[in-house]
PDB file of all heavy atoms in Angstrom:
ATOM      1  N   ASN A   1     -75.601 -25.126  47.581  1.00  0.00           N
ATOM      2  CA  ASN A   1     -76.176 -23.779  47.564  1.00  0.00           C
ATOM      3  C   ASN A   1     -75.872 -23.010  48.836  1.00  0.00           C
ATOM      4  O   ASN A   1     -75.680 -21.798  48.795  1.00  0.00           O
ATOM      5  CB  ASN A   1     -77.687 -23.844  47.338  1.00  0.00           C
ATOM      6  CG  ASN A   1     -78.033 -24.254  45.930  1.00  0.00           C
ATOM      7  OD1 ASN A   1     -77.266 -24.032  45.000  1.00  0.00           O
ATOM      8  ND2 ASN A   1     -79.184 -24.876  45.765  1.00  0.00           N
ATOM      9  N   ASP A   2     -75.820 -23.692  49.975  1.00  0.00           N
ATOM     10  CA  ASP A   2     -75.546 -23.024  51.247  1.00  0.00           C
ATOM     11  C   ASP A   2     -74.103 -22.554  51.378  1.00  0.00           C
ATOM     12  O   ASP A   2     -73.829 -21.601  52.100  1.00  0.00           O
ATOM     13  CB  ASP A   2     -75.857 -23.956  52.424  1.00  0.00           C
ATOM     14  CG  ASP A   2     -77.340 -24.205  52.591  1.00  0.00           C
ATOM     15  OD1 ASP A   2     -78.154 -23.465  51.992  1.00  0.00           O
ATOM     16  OD2 ASP A   2     -77.698 -25.149  53.331  1.00  0.00           O
ATOM     17  N   TYR A   3     -73.171 -23.227  50.706  1.00  0.00           N
ATOM     18  CA  TYR A   3     -71.748 -22.953  50.918  1.00  0.00           C
ATOM     19  C   TYR A   3     -70.972 -22.668  49.636  1.00  0.00           C
ATOM     20  O   TYR A   3     -69.749 -22.613  49.669  1.00  0.00           O
ATOM     21  CB  TYR A   3     -71.107 -24.151  51.645  1.00  0.00           C
ATOM     22  CG  TYR A   3     -71.761 -24.442  52.956  1.00  0.00           C
ATOM     23  CD1 TYR A   3     -72.672 -25.480  53.080  1.00  0.00           C
ATOM     24  CD2 TYR A   3     -71.492 -23.664  54.072  1.00  0.00           C
ATOM     25  CE1 TYR A   3     -73.295 -25.746  54.296  1.00  0.00           C
ATOM     26  CE2 TYR A   3     -72.098 -23.920  55.284  1.00  0.00           C
ATOM     27  CZ  TYR A   3     -72.998 -24.959  55.387  1.00  0.00           C
ATOM     28  OH  TYR A   3     -73.611 -25.207  56.586  1.00  0.00           O
ATOM     29  N   LYS A   4     -71.657 -22.460  48.517  1.00  0.00           N
ATOM     30  CA  LYS A   4     -70.967 -22.368  47.217  1.00  0.00           C
ATOM     31  C   LYS A   4     -69.887 -21.288  47.176  1.00  0.00           C
ATOM     32  O   LYS A   4     -68.910 -21.437  46.459  1.00  0.00           O
ATOM     33  CB  LYS A   4     -71.943 -22.202  46.068  1.00  0.00           C
ATOM     34  CG  LYS A   4     -72.630 -20.863  46.016  1.00  0.00           C
ATOM     35  CD  LYS A   4     -73.555 -20.599  44.836  1.00  0.00           C
ATOM     36  CE  LYS A   4     -73.768 -21.698  43.896  1.00  0.00           C
ATOM     37  NZ  LYS A   4     -74.705 -21.418  42.835  1.00  0.00           N
ATOM     38  N   ASP A   5     -70.008 -20.236  47.977  1.00  0.00           N
ATOM     39  CA  ASP A   5     -68.984 -19.190  47.981  1.00  0.00           C
ATOM     40  C   ASP A   5     -67.769 -19.575  48.829  1.00  0.00           C
ATOM     41  O   ASP A   5     -66.784 -18.848  48.867  1.00  0.00           O
ATOM     42  CB  ASP A   5     -69.574 -17.862  48.468  1.00  0.00           C
ATOM     43  CG  ASP A   5     -70.119 -17.931  49.882  1.00  0.00           C
ATOM     44  OD1 ASP A   5     -70.621 -19.005  50.289  1.00  0.00           O
ATOM     45  OD2 ASP A   5     -70.049 -16.914  50.591  1.00  0.00           O
ATOM     46  N   LYS A   6     -67.815 -20.731  49.484  1.00  0.00           N
ATOM     47  CA  LYS A   6     -66.710 -21.182  50.339  1.00  0.00           C
ATOM     48  C   LYS A   6     -66.094 -22.489  49.850  1.00  0.00           C
ATOM     49  O   LYS A   6     -65.231 -23.048  50.508  1.00  0.00           O
ATOM     50  CB  LYS A   6     -67.216 -21.391  51.771  1.00  0.00           C
ATOM     51  CG  LYS A   6     -67.722 -20.131  52.413  1.00  0.00           C
ATOM     52  CD  LYS A   6     -68.242 -20.409  53.804  1.00  0.00           C
ATOM     53  CE  LYS A   6     -68.764 -19.126  54.416  1.00  0.00           C
ATOM     54  NZ  LYS A   6     -69.218 -19.324  55.786  1.00  0.00           N
ATOM     55  N   ILE A   7     -66.556 -22.982  48.704  1.00  0.00           N
ATOM     56  CA  ILE A   7     -66.140 -24.299  48.207  1.00  0.00           C
ATOM     57  C   ILE A   7     -65.239 -24.160  46.987  1.00  0.00           C
ATOM     58  O   ILE A   7     -65.487 -23.328  46.120  1.00  0.00           O
ATOM     59  CB  ILE A   7     -67.379 -25.124  47.781  1.00  0.00           C
ATOM     60  CG1 ILE A   7     -68.294 -25.390  48.959  1.00  0.00           C
ATOM     61  CG2 ILE A   7     -66.970 -26.427  47.123  1.00  0.00           C
ATOM     62  CD1 ILE A   7     -69.621 -26.029  48.557  1.00  0.00           C
ATOM     63  N   ILE A   8     -64.216 -25.006  46.943  1.00  0.00           N
ATOM     64  CA  ILE A   8     -63.495 -25.212  45.685  1.00  0.00           C
ATOM     65  C   ILE A   8     -63.403 -26.711  45.449  1.00  0.00           C
ATOM     66  O   ILE A   8     -63.367 -27.500  46.391  1.00  0.00           O
ATOM     67  CB  ILE A   8     -62.090 -24.567  45.647  1.00  0.00           C
ATOM     68  CG1 ILE A   8     -61.177 -25.131  46.709  1.00  0.00           C
ATOM     69  CG2 ILE A   8     -62.171 -23.066  45.723  1.00  0.00           C
ATOM     70  CD1 ILE A   8     -59.733 -24.744  46.516  1.00  0.00           C
ATOM     71  N   PHE A   9     -63.398 -27.074  44.207  1.00  0.00           N
ATOM     72  CA  PHE A   9     -63.336 -28.476  43.812  1.00  0.00           C
ATOM     73  C   PHE A   9     -61.939 -28.781  43.332  1.00  0.00           C
ATOM     74  O   PHE A   9     -61.367 -28.035  42.532  1.00  0.00           O
ATOM     75  CB  PHE A   9     -64.350 -28.755  42.693  1.00  0.00           C
ATOM     76  CG  PHE A   9     -64.463 -30.205  42.331  1.00  0.00           C
ATOM     77  CD1 PHE A   9     -65.447 -30.988  42.897  1.00  0.00           C
ATOM     78  CD2 PHE A   9     -63.578 -30.785  41.433  1.00  0.00           C
ATOM     79  CE1 PHE A   9     -65.560 -32.334  42.575  1.00  0.00           C
ATOM     80  CE2 PHE A   9     -63.673 -32.124  41.104  1.00  0.00           C
ATOM     81  CZ  PHE A   9     -64.669 -32.908  41.675  1.00  0.00           C
ATOM     82  N   VAL A  10     -61.367 -29.874  43.811  1.00  0.00           N
ATOM     83  CA  VAL A  10     -60.091 -30.375  43.285  1.00  0.00           C
ATOM     84  C   VAL A  10     -60.358 -31.748  42.675  1.00  0.00           C
ATOM     85  O   VAL A  10     -61.225 -32.476  43.124  1.00  0.00           O
ATOM     86  CB  VAL A  10     -58.993 -30.463  44.373  1.00  0.00           C
ATOM     87  CG1 VAL A  10     -58.637 -29.087  44.888  1.00  0.00           C
ATOM     88  CG2 VAL A  10     -59.396 -31.373  45.514  1.00  0.00           C
ATOM     89  N   GLY A  11     -59.632 -32.070  41.664  1.00  0.00           N
ATOM     90  CA  GLY A  11     -59.826 -33.316  40.928  1.00  0.00           C
ATOM     91  C   GLY A  11     -59.606 -33.033  39.458  1.00  0.00           C
ATOM     92  O   GLY A  11     -59.139 -31.953  39.080  1.00  0.00           O
ATOM     93  N   SER A  12     -59.964 -33.977  38.655  1.00  0.00           N
ATOM     94  CA  SER A  12     -59.770 -33.794  37.212  1.00  0.00           C
ATOM     95  C   SER A  12     -60.878 -32.910  36.647  1.00  0.00           C
ATOM     96  O   SER A  12     -61.954 -32.776  37.247  1.00  0.00           O
ATOM     97  CB  SER A  12     -59.785 -35.156  36.507  1.00  0.00           C
ATOM     98  OG  SER A  12     -61.108 -35.679  36.504  1.00  0.00           O
ATOM     99  N   PRO A  13     -60.638 -32.315  35.482  1.00  0.00           N
ATOM    100  CA  PRO A  13     -61.699 -31.526  34.845  1.00  0.00           C
ATOM    101  C   PRO A  13     -62.967 -32.354  34.588  1.00  0.00           C
ATOM    102  O   PRO A  13     -64.082 -31.854  34.733  1.00  0.00           O
ATOM    103  CB  PRO A  13     -61.070 -31.064  33.526  1.00  0.00           C
ATOM    104  CG  PRO A  13     -59.604 -31.080  33.778  1.00  0.00           C
ATOM    105  CD  PRO A  13     -59.375 -32.228  34.729  1.00  0.00           C
ATOM    106  N   GLU A  14     -62.793 -33.618  34.245  1.00  0.00           N
ATOM    107  CA  GLU A  14     -63.945 -34.496  34.005  1.00  0.00           C
ATOM    108  C   GLU A  14     -64.741 -34.725  35.293  1.00  0.00           C
ATOM    109  O   GLU A  14     -65.977 -34.721  35.276  1.00  0.00           O
ATOM    110  CB  GLU A  14     -63.483 -35.841  33.426  1.00  0.00           C
ATOM    111  CG  GLU A  14     -62.845 -35.750  32.059  1.00  0.00           C
ATOM    112  CD  GLU A  14     -61.366 -35.312  32.102  1.00  0.00           C
ATOM    113  OE1 GLU A  14     -60.733 -35.357  33.170  1.00  0.00           O
ATOM    114  OE2 GLU A  14     -60.862 -34.903  31.035  1.00  0.00           O
ATOM    115  N   GLU A  15     -64.032 -34.916  36.410  1.00  0.00           N
ATOM    116  CA  GLU A  15     -64.713 -35.090  37.697  1.00  0.00           C
ATOM    117  C   GLU A  15     -65.469 -33.821  38.085  1.00  0.00           C
ATOM    118  O   GLU A  15     -66.588 -33.889  38.590  1.00  0.00           O
ATOM    119  CB  GLU A  15     -63.714 -35.443  38.794  1.00  0.00           C
ATOM    120  CG  GLU A  15     -63.120 -36.822  38.672  1.00  0.00           C
ATOM    121  CD  GLU A  15     -61.958 -37.045  39.616  1.00  0.00           C
ATOM    122  OE1 GLU A  15     -61.171 -36.099  39.869  1.00  0.00           O
ATOM    123  OE2 GLU A  15     -61.827 -38.185  40.109  1.00  0.00           O
ATOM    124  N   HIS A  16     -64.849 -32.677  37.839  1.00  0.00           N
ATOM    125  CA  HIS A  16     -65.507 -31.411  38.157  1.00  0.00           C
ATOM    126  C   HIS A  16     -66.783 -31.244  37.339  1.00  0.00           C
ATOM    127  O   HIS A  16     -67.833 -30.881  37.876  1.00  0.00           O
ATOM    128  CB  HIS A  16     -64.556 -30.228  37.919  1.00  0.00           C
ATOM    129  CG  HIS A  16     -65.208 -28.910  38.174  1.00  0.00           C
ATOM    130  ND1 HIS A  16     -65.490 -28.011  37.162  1.00  0.00           N
ATOM    131  CD2 HIS A  16     -65.653 -28.344  39.317  1.00  0.00           C
ATOM    132  CE1 HIS A  16     -66.076 -26.952  37.678  1.00  0.00           C
ATOM    133  NE2 HIS A  16     -66.197 -27.115  38.984  1.00  0.00           N
ATOM    134  N   LYS A  17     -66.716 -31.517  36.046  1.00  0.00           N
ATOM    135  CA  LYS A  17     -67.904 -31.403  35.192  1.00  0.00           C
ATOM    136  C   LYS A  17     -69.013 -32.329  35.681  1.00  0.00           C
ATOM    137  O   LYS A  17     -70.175 -31.921  35.783  1.00  0.00           O
ATOM    138  CB  LYS A  17     -67.563 -31.707  33.738  1.00  0.00           C
ATOM    139  CG  LYS A  17     -68.781 -31.540  32.823  1.00  0.00           C
ATOM    140  CD  LYS A  17     -68.484 -31.916  31.404  1.00  0.00           C
ATOM    141  CE  LYS A  17     -69.647 -31.760  30.473  1.00  0.00           C
ATOM    142  NZ  LYS A  17     -70.970 -32.000  30.981  1.00  0.00           N
ATOM    143  N   LEU A  18     -68.675 -33.553  36.005  1.00  0.00           N
ATOM    144  CA  LEU A  18     -69.664 -34.506  36.502  1.00  0.00           C
ATOM    145  C   LEU A  18     -70.284 -34.011  37.807  1.00  0.00           C
ATOM    146  O   LEU A  18     -71.498 -34.053  37.998  1.00  0.00           O
ATOM    147  CB  LEU A  18     -69.021 -35.882  36.697  1.00  0.00           C
ATOM    148  CG  LEU A  18     -69.927 -37.003  37.164  1.00  0.00           C
ATOM    149  CD1 LEU A  18     -71.037 -37.269  36.159  1.00  0.00           C
ATOM    150  CD2 LEU A  18     -69.106 -38.266  37.397  1.00  0.00           C
ATOM    151  N   PHE A  19     -69.445 -33.498  38.710  1.00  0.00           N
ATOM    152  CA  PHE A  19     -69.925 -32.957  39.977  1.00  0.00           C
ATOM    153  C   PHE A  19     -70.907 -31.807  39.739  1.00  0.00           C
ATOM    154  O   PHE A  19     -71.993 -31.779  40.307  1.00  0.00           O
ATOM    155  CB  PHE A  19     -68.743 -32.491  40.834  1.00  0.00           C
ATOM    156  CG  PHE A  19     -69.138 -31.967  42.188  1.00  0.00           C
ATOM    157  CD1 PHE A  19     -69.243 -32.823  43.264  1.00  0.00           C
ATOM    158  CD2 PHE A  19     -69.390 -30.620  42.383  1.00  0.00           C
ATOM    159  CE1 PHE A  19     -69.611 -32.354  44.518  1.00  0.00           C
ATOM    160  CE2 PHE A  19     -69.755 -30.126  43.623  1.00  0.00           C
ATOM    161  CZ  PHE A  19     -69.866 -31.002  44.698  1.00  0.00           C
ATOM    162  N   VAL A  20     -70.511 -30.879  38.898  1.00  0.00           N
ATOM    163  CA  VAL A  20     -71.356 -29.717  38.605  1.00  0.00           C
ATOM    164  C   VAL A  20     -72.681 -30.155  37.974  1.00  0.00           C
ATOM    165  O   VAL A  20     -73.740 -29.631  38.326  1.00  0.00           O
ATOM    166  CB  VAL A  20     -70.606 -28.713  37.702  1.00  0.00           C
ATOM    167  CG1 VAL A  20     -71.539 -27.665  37.120  1.00  0.00           C
ATOM    168  CG2 VAL A  20     -69.476 -28.059  38.481  1.00  0.00           C
ATOM    169  N   ASP A  21     -72.616 -31.110  37.063  1.00  0.00           N
ATOM    170  CA  ASP A  21     -73.835 -31.593  36.410  1.00  0.00           C
ATOM    171  C   ASP A  21     -74.800 -32.225  37.409  1.00  0.00           C
ATOM    172  O   ASP A  21     -76.012 -32.096  37.280  1.00  0.00           O
ATOM    173  CB  ASP A  21     -73.506 -32.610  35.319  1.00  0.00           C
ATOM    174  CG  ASP A  21     -72.844 -31.981  34.101  1.00  0.00           C
ATOM    175  OD1 ASP A  21     -72.847 -30.736  33.980  1.00  0.00           O
ATOM    176  OD2 ASP A  21     -72.306 -32.750  33.273  1.00  0.00           O
ATOM    177  N   ILE A  22     -74.274 -32.885  38.430  1.00  0.00           N
ATOM    178  CA  ILE A  22     -75.113 -33.596  39.395  1.00  0.00           C
ATOM    179  C   ILE A  22     -75.491 -32.712  40.587  1.00  0.00           C
ATOM    180  O   ILE A  22     -76.643 -32.683  41.011  1.00  0.00           O
ATOM    181  CB  ILE A  22     -74.409 -34.873  39.893  1.00  0.00           C
ATOM    182  CG1 ILE A  22     -74.254 -35.864  38.736  1.00  0.00           C
ATOM    183  CG2 ILE A  22     -75.173 -35.513  41.053  1.00  0.00           C
ATOM    184  CD1 ILE A  22     -73.370 -37.060  39.062  1.00  0.00           C
ATOM    185  N   VAL A  23     -74.517 -31.987  41.119  1.00  0.00           N
ATOM    186  CA  VAL A  23     -74.708 -31.299  42.398  1.00  0.00           C
ATOM    187  C   VAL A  23     -74.942 -29.800  42.239  1.00  0.00           C
ATOM    188  O   VAL A  23     -75.727 -29.212  42.968  1.00  0.00           O
ATOM    189  CB  VAL A  23     -73.498 -31.566  43.329  1.00  0.00           C
ATOM    190  CG1 VAL A  23     -73.667 -30.868  44.648  1.00  0.00           C
ATOM    191  CG2 VAL A  23     -73.305 -33.057  43.529  1.00  0.00           C
ATOM    192  N   GLY A  24     -74.231 -29.168  41.336  1.00  0.00           N
ATOM    193  CA  GLY A  24     -74.359 -27.724  41.151  1.00  0.00           C
ATOM    194  C   GLY A  24     -73.002 -27.072  40.986  1.00  0.00           C
ATOM    195  O   GLY A  24     -71.961 -27.670  41.247  1.00  0.00           O
ATOM    196  N   GLU A  25     -73.025 -25.843  40.562  1.00  0.00           N
ATOM    197  CA  GLU A  25     -71.810 -25.094  40.220  1.00  0.00           C
ATOM    198  C   GLU A  25     -70.977 -24.761  41.456  1.00  0.00           C
ATOM    199  O   GLU A  25     -71.488 -24.248  42.441  1.00  0.00           O
ATOM    200  CB  GLU A  25     -72.181 -23.810  39.491  1.00  0.00           C
ATOM    201  CG  GLU A  25     -71.002 -23.040  38.944  1.00  0.00           C
ATOM    202  CD  GLU A  25     -70.240 -23.795  37.866  1.00  0.00           C
ATOM    203  OE1 GLU A  25     -70.869 -24.401  36.987  1.00  0.00           O
ATOM    204  OE2 GLU A  25     -69.003 -23.769  37.905  1.00  0.00           O
ATOM    205  N   VAL A  26     -69.695 -25.083  41.379  1.00  0.00           N
ATOM    206  CA  VAL A  26     -68.703 -24.670  42.372  1.00  0.00           C
ATOM    207  C   VAL A  26     -67.425 -24.312  41.630  1.00  0.00           C
ATOM    208  O   VAL A  26     -67.184 -24.794  40.520  1.00  0.00           O
ATOM    209  CB  VAL A  26     -68.400 -25.760  43.435  1.00  0.00           C
ATOM    210  CG1 VAL A  26     -69.625 -26.079  44.259  1.00  0.00           C
ATOM    211  CG2 VAL A  26     -67.836 -27.016  42.811  1.00  0.00           C
ATOM    212  N   ASP A  27     -66.612 -23.462  42.240  1.00  0.00           N
ATOM    213  CA  ASP A  27     -65.338 -23.095  41.634  1.00  0.00           C
ATOM    214  C   ASP A  27     -64.427 -24.321  41.540  1.00  0.00           C
ATOM    215  O   ASP A  27     -64.483 -25.220  42.382  1.00  0.00           O
ATOM    216  CB  ASP A  27     -64.640 -22.011  42.451  1.00  0.00           C
ATOM    217  CG  ASP A  27     -65.320 -20.659  42.332  1.00  0.00           C
ATOM    218  OD1 ASP A  27     -66.033 -20.431  41.333  1.00  0.00           O
ATOM    219  OD2 ASP A  27     -65.126 -19.837  43.234  1.00  0.00           O
ATOM    220  N   TYR A  28     -63.598 -24.313  40.530  1.00  0.00           N
ATOM    221  CA  TYR A  28     -62.666 -25.421  40.287  1.00  0.00           C
ATOM    222  C   TYR A  28     -61.244 -24.909  40.397  1.00  0.00           C
ATOM    223  O   TYR A  28     -60.908 -23.849  39.862  1.00  0.00           O
ATOM    224  CB  TYR A  28     -62.922 -25.998  38.896  1.00  0.00           C
ATOM    225  CG  TYR A  28     -61.946 -27.067  38.475  1.00  0.00           C
ATOM    226  CD1 TYR A  28     -61.779 -28.217  39.230  1.00  0.00           C
ATOM    227  CD2 TYR A  28     -61.192 -26.934  37.320  1.00  0.00           C
ATOM    228  CE1 TYR A  28     -60.891 -29.209  38.843  1.00  0.00           C
ATOM    229  CE2 TYR A  28     -60.308 -27.918  36.910  1.00  0.00           C
ATOM    230  CZ  TYR A  28     -60.159 -29.058  37.678  1.00  0.00           C
ATOM    231  OH  TYR A  28     -59.275 -30.032  37.300  1.00  0.00           O
ATOM    232  N   TYR A  29     -60.408 -25.656  41.104  1.00  0.00           N
ATOM    233  CA  TYR A  29     -58.998 -25.319  41.224  1.00  0.00           C
ATOM    234  C   TYR A  29     -58.196 -26.498  40.693  1.00  0.00           C
ATOM    235  O   TYR A  29     -58.079 -27.532  41.364  1.00  0.00           O
ATOM    236  CB  TYR A  29     -58.623 -25.041  42.682  1.00  0.00           C
ATOM    237  CG  TYR A  29     -57.245 -24.456  42.830  1.00  0.00           C
ATOM    238  CD1 TYR A  29     -57.060 -23.081  42.821  1.00  0.00           C
ATOM    239  CD2 TYR A  29     -56.127 -25.272  42.950  1.00  0.00           C
ATOM    240  CE1 TYR A  29     -55.798 -22.538  42.938  1.00  0.00           C
ATOM    241  CE2 TYR A  29     -54.858 -24.738  43.066  1.00  0.00           C
ATOM    242  CZ  TYR A  29     -54.704 -23.370  43.064  1.00  0.00           C
ATOM    243  OH  TYR A  29     -53.445 -22.833  43.175  1.00  0.00           O
TER     244      TYR A  29
END
């Protein structure tokens, strides 16, 4: 929440979904 506008996630789409489900929404590249 403190840095969501400065974060991008790299990895597989499945890893991104898991991350978002656990930690919160971040942009995916």
